[in-house]
Amino acid sequence: MAVVGGVLFVLIIVGSVLFGKPVVHKPAPAASASPPPVASYGSAESFSVPGTFTLALLFLTMFVLYYFVNWKYLASTWIMS
């Protein structure tokens, strides 16, 4: 089934390259006015993403707890004499 799919893929690609309609690129329309600079949008002088930082700290805390809980579990399975 994979071989048939591969053969069909190659045949379709080669067939569209050899017998397909050529793509005509249209020129892009000229911009009437230049866009405003990025620095003038919103509050560019301050970078504040409290939600993202909170989620990152939450995931970091979960990772650290998971790491140490697994080490504790691993240590409890070793029998030391």
N, C-alpha and C. Protein backbone atom coordinates (compact mmCIF):
# COMPACT_ATOMS: atom_id res chain seq x y z
N MET A 1 0.82 -1.18 0.00
CA MET A 1 0.00 0.00 0.00
C MET A 1 0.88 1.26 0.00
N ALA A 2 1.97 1.20 0.76
CA ALA A 2 2.88 2.34 0.80
C ALA A 2 3.57 2.53 -0.54
N VAL A 3 3.91 1.44 -1.19
CA VAL A 3 4.57 1.53 -2.50
C VAL A 3 3.61 2.14 -3.52
N VAL A 4 2.35 1.72 -3.49
CA VAL A 4 1.36 2.26 -4.42
C VAL A 4 1.18 3.76 -4.17
N GLY A 5 1.12 4.15 -2.89
CA GLY A 5 1.01 5.57 -2.56
C GLY A 5 2.21 6.36 -3.03
N GLY A 6 3.40 5.79 -2.87
CA GLY A 6 4.61 6.47 -3.34
C GLY A 6 4.65 6.61 -4.84
N VAL A 7 4.26 5.57 -5.55
CA VAL A 7 4.23 5.62 -7.01
C VAL A 7 3.20 6.65 -7.49
N LEU A 8 2.02 6.66 -6.87
CA LEU A 8 1.00 7.64 -7.24
C LEU A 8 1.49 9.07 -6.98
N PHE A 9 2.18 9.26 -5.85
CA PHE A 9 2.72 10.58 -5.53
C PHE A 9 3.69 11.04 -6.62
N VAL A 10 4.62 10.18 -6.99
CA VAL A 10 5.61 10.52 -8.01
C VAL A 10 4.92 10.78 -9.35
N LEU A 11 3.96 9.94 -9.73
CA LEU A 11 3.26 10.13 -11.00
C LEU A 11 2.47 11.44 -11.02
N ILE A 12 1.83 11.76 -9.95
CA ILE A 12 1.06 13.01 -9.90
C ILE A 12 1.99 14.22 -9.98
N ILE A 13 3.10 14.18 -9.26
CA ILE A 13 4.05 15.30 -9.29
C ILE A 13 4.66 15.46 -10.68
N VAL A 14 5.15 14.37 -11.23
CA VAL A 14 5.77 14.44 -12.56
C VAL A 14 4.73 14.84 -13.60
N GLY A 15 3.53 14.29 -13.51
CA GLY A 15 2.47 14.65 -14.46
C GLY A 15 2.08 16.10 -14.37
N SER A 16 2.00 16.65 -13.14
CA SER A 16 1.63 18.05 -13.03
C SER A 16 2.75 18.98 -13.49
N VAL A 17 4.00 18.55 -13.33
CA VAL A 17 5.12 19.37 -13.81
C VAL A 17 5.16 19.36 -15.34
N LEU A 18 4.97 18.20 -15.94
CA LEU A 18 5.08 18.09 -17.39
C LEU A 18 3.83 18.56 -18.13
N PHE A 19 2.65 18.26 -17.60
CA PHE A 19 1.42 18.52 -18.35
C PHE A 19 0.48 19.54 -17.68
N GLY A 20 0.85 20.06 -16.54
CA GLY A 20 -0.01 21.00 -15.84
C GLY A 20 0.07 22.41 -16.42
N LYS A 21 -0.92 23.24 -16.03
CA LYS A 21 -0.91 24.62 -16.50
C LYS A 21 0.18 25.39 -15.78
N PRO A 22 0.89 26.27 -16.49
CA PRO A 22 1.93 27.05 -15.82
C PRO A 22 1.29 28.09 -14.89
N VAL A 23 1.98 28.39 -13.82
CA VAL A 23 1.52 29.38 -12.85
C VAL A 23 2.00 30.75 -13.30
N VAL A 24 1.07 31.68 -13.42
CA VAL A 24 1.41 33.04 -13.81
C VAL A 24 1.41 33.90 -12.56
N HIS A 25 2.55 34.50 -12.27
CA HIS A 25 2.67 35.34 -11.08
C HIS A 25 2.23 36.75 -11.42
N LYS A 26 1.30 37.26 -10.63
CA LYS A 26 0.84 38.64 -10.82
C LYS A 26 1.71 39.55 -9.97
N PRO A 27 2.03 40.74 -10.48
CA PRO A 27 2.84 41.65 -9.67
C PRO A 27 2.05 42.12 -8.45
N ALA A 28 2.76 42.28 -7.35
CA ALA A 28 2.13 42.72 -6.11
C ALA A 28 1.76 44.20 -6.23
N PRO A 29 0.60 44.58 -5.70
CA PRO A 29 0.22 45.99 -5.76
C PRO A 29 1.15 46.83 -4.89
N ALA A 30 1.45 48.01 -5.36
CA ALA A 30 2.34 48.90 -4.61
C ALA A 30 1.59 49.44 -3.40
N ALA A 31 2.29 49.54 -2.29
CA ALA A 31 1.69 50.06 -1.06
C ALA A 31 1.49 51.56 -1.20
N SER A 32 0.31 52.03 -0.81
CA SER A 32 0.03 53.45 -0.95
C SER A 32 0.75 54.27 0.10
N ALA A 33 0.86 53.74 1.30
CA ALA A 33 1.57 54.46 2.37
C ALA A 33 2.43 53.45 3.12
N SER A 34 3.53 53.91 3.63
CA SER A 34 4.39 53.01 4.36
C SER A 34 3.74 52.69 5.72
N PRO A 35 3.88 51.46 6.16
CA PRO A 35 3.26 51.10 7.43
C PRO A 35 3.96 51.80 8.59
N PRO A 36 3.26 52.02 9.68
CA PRO A 36 3.89 52.69 10.82
C PRO A 36 4.97 51.80 11.44
N PRO A 37 5.97 52.38 12.02
CA PRO A 37 7.02 51.56 12.64
C PRO A 37 6.46 50.77 13.82
N VAL A 38 7.10 49.67 14.11
CA VAL A 38 6.63 48.79 15.17
C VAL A 38 6.70 49.48 16.53
N ALA A 39 7.67 50.34 16.73
CA ALA A 39 7.84 50.98 18.02
C ALA A 39 6.68 51.90 18.37
N SER A 40 5.89 52.31 17.40
CA SER A 40 4.80 53.22 17.71
C SER A 40 3.51 52.48 18.02
N TYR A 41 3.52 51.15 18.04
CA TYR A 41 2.32 50.38 18.28
C TYR A 41 2.25 49.95 19.74
N GLY A 42 1.16 50.22 20.40
CA GLY A 42 0.94 49.75 21.77
C GLY A 42 1.94 50.33 22.74
N SER A 43 2.33 49.53 23.71
CA SER A 43 3.29 49.97 24.72
C SER A 43 4.63 49.33 24.43
N ALA A 44 5.30 49.81 23.42
CA ALA A 44 6.55 49.21 22.98
C ALA A 44 7.69 49.46 23.96
N GLU A 45 7.56 50.47 24.81
CA GLU A 45 8.65 50.75 25.74
C GLU A 45 8.68 49.78 26.92
N SER A 46 7.59 49.06 27.17
CA SER A 46 7.58 48.10 28.26
C SER A 46 7.17 46.73 27.73
N PHE A 47 7.80 45.72 28.25
CA PHE A 47 7.53 44.34 27.84
C PHE A 47 6.92 43.62 29.02
N SER A 48 5.63 43.35 28.95
CA SER A 48 4.95 42.76 30.09
C SER A 48 4.09 41.59 29.62
N VAL A 49 4.40 40.40 30.11
CA VAL A 49 3.60 39.21 29.83
C VAL A 49 3.43 38.43 31.14
N PRO A 50 2.62 38.92 32.06
CA PRO A 50 2.53 38.26 33.36
C PRO A 50 1.93 36.86 33.29
N GLY A 51 0.98 36.63 32.40
CA GLY A 51 0.38 35.30 32.30
C GLY A 51 1.37 34.26 31.83
N THR A 52 2.18 34.60 30.84
CA THR A 52 3.18 33.68 30.32
C THR A 52 4.23 33.36 31.38
N PHE A 53 4.65 34.38 32.11
CA PHE A 53 5.65 34.17 33.16
C PHE A 53 5.09 33.30 34.27
N THR A 54 3.83 33.51 34.63
CA THR A 54 3.19 32.70 35.66
C THR A 54 3.10 31.25 35.23
N LEU A 55 2.68 31.00 33.99
CA LEU A 55 2.62 29.62 33.50
C LEU A 55 4.00 28.97 33.46
N ALA A 56 5.01 29.73 33.06
CA ALA A 56 6.37 29.18 33.02
C ALA A 56 6.83 28.79 34.42
N LEU A 57 6.54 29.64 35.42
CA LEU A 57 6.92 29.30 36.80
C LEU A 57 6.13 28.11 37.32
N LEU A 58 4.86 28.01 36.95
CA LEU A 58 4.04 26.87 37.35
C LEU A 58 4.62 25.57 36.78
N PHE A 59 4.95 25.57 35.49
CA PHE A 59 5.52 24.37 34.86
C PHE A 59 6.90 24.04 35.43
N LEU A 60 7.69 25.05 35.75
CA LEU A 60 9.00 24.81 36.36
C LEU A 60 8.83 24.16 37.72
N THR A 61 7.89 24.67 38.52
CA THR A 61 7.64 24.09 39.84
C THR A 61 7.17 22.66 39.73
N MET A 62 6.26 22.40 38.79
CA MET A 62 5.77 21.03 38.60
C MET A 62 6.90 20.10 38.18
N PHE A 63 7.78 20.58 37.30
CA PHE A 63 8.89 19.75 36.85
C PHE A 63 9.83 19.43 38.00
N VAL A 64 10.16 20.42 38.83
CA VAL A 64 11.08 20.20 39.95
C VAL A 64 10.47 19.23 40.96
N LEU A 65 9.19 19.40 41.28
CA LEU A 65 8.53 18.48 42.20
C LEU A 65 8.49 17.06 41.63
N TYR A 66 8.16 16.93 40.37
CA TYR A 66 8.11 15.62 39.74
C TYR A 66 9.49 14.96 39.76
N TYR A 67 10.53 15.74 39.50
CA TYR A 67 11.89 15.23 39.49
C TYR A 67 12.26 14.67 40.86
N PHE A 68 12.02 15.44 41.93
CA PHE A 68 12.43 15.00 43.26
C PHE A 68 11.54 13.88 43.80
N VAL A 69 10.25 13.89 43.45
CA VAL A 69 9.39 12.79 43.87
C VAL A 69 9.84 11.49 43.21
N ASN A 70 10.23 11.54 41.96
CA ASN A 70 10.71 10.33 41.29
C ASN A 70 12.04 9.85 41.88
N TRP A 71 12.92 10.78 42.25
CA TRP A 71 14.18 10.37 42.89
C TRP A 71 13.90 9.73 44.24
N LYS A 72 12.92 10.27 44.99
CA LYS A 72 12.56 9.69 46.27
C LYS A 72 11.99 8.29 46.07
N TYR A 73 11.14 8.13 45.05
CA TYR A 73 10.57 6.81 44.76
C TYR A 73 11.66 5.82 44.35
N LEU A 74 12.60 6.27 43.51
CA LEU A 74 13.70 5.41 43.09
C LEU A 74 14.57 5.01 44.28
N ALA A 75 14.83 5.97 45.17
CA ALA A 75 15.65 5.67 46.34
C ALA A 75 14.96 4.67 47.27
N SER A 76 13.63 4.71 47.32
CA SER A 76 12.92 3.79 48.20
C SER A 76 12.92 2.36 47.65
N THR A 77 13.17 2.18 46.36
CA THR A 77 13.20 0.84 45.78
C THR A 77 14.55 0.16 45.95
N TRP A 78 15.59 0.94 46.23
CA TRP A 78 16.91 0.36 46.43
C TRP A 78 17.03 -0.16 47.85
N ILE A 79 17.46 -1.37 47.97
CA ILE A 79 17.65 -1.95 49.30
C ILE A 79 19.11 -1.79 49.68
N MET A 80 19.34 -1.02 50.73
CA MET A 80 20.72 -0.79 51.20
C MET A 80 20.92 -1.66 52.43
N SER A 81 22.03 -2.41 52.45
CA SER A 81 22.27 -3.27 53.61
C SER A 81 23.40 -2.76 54.44
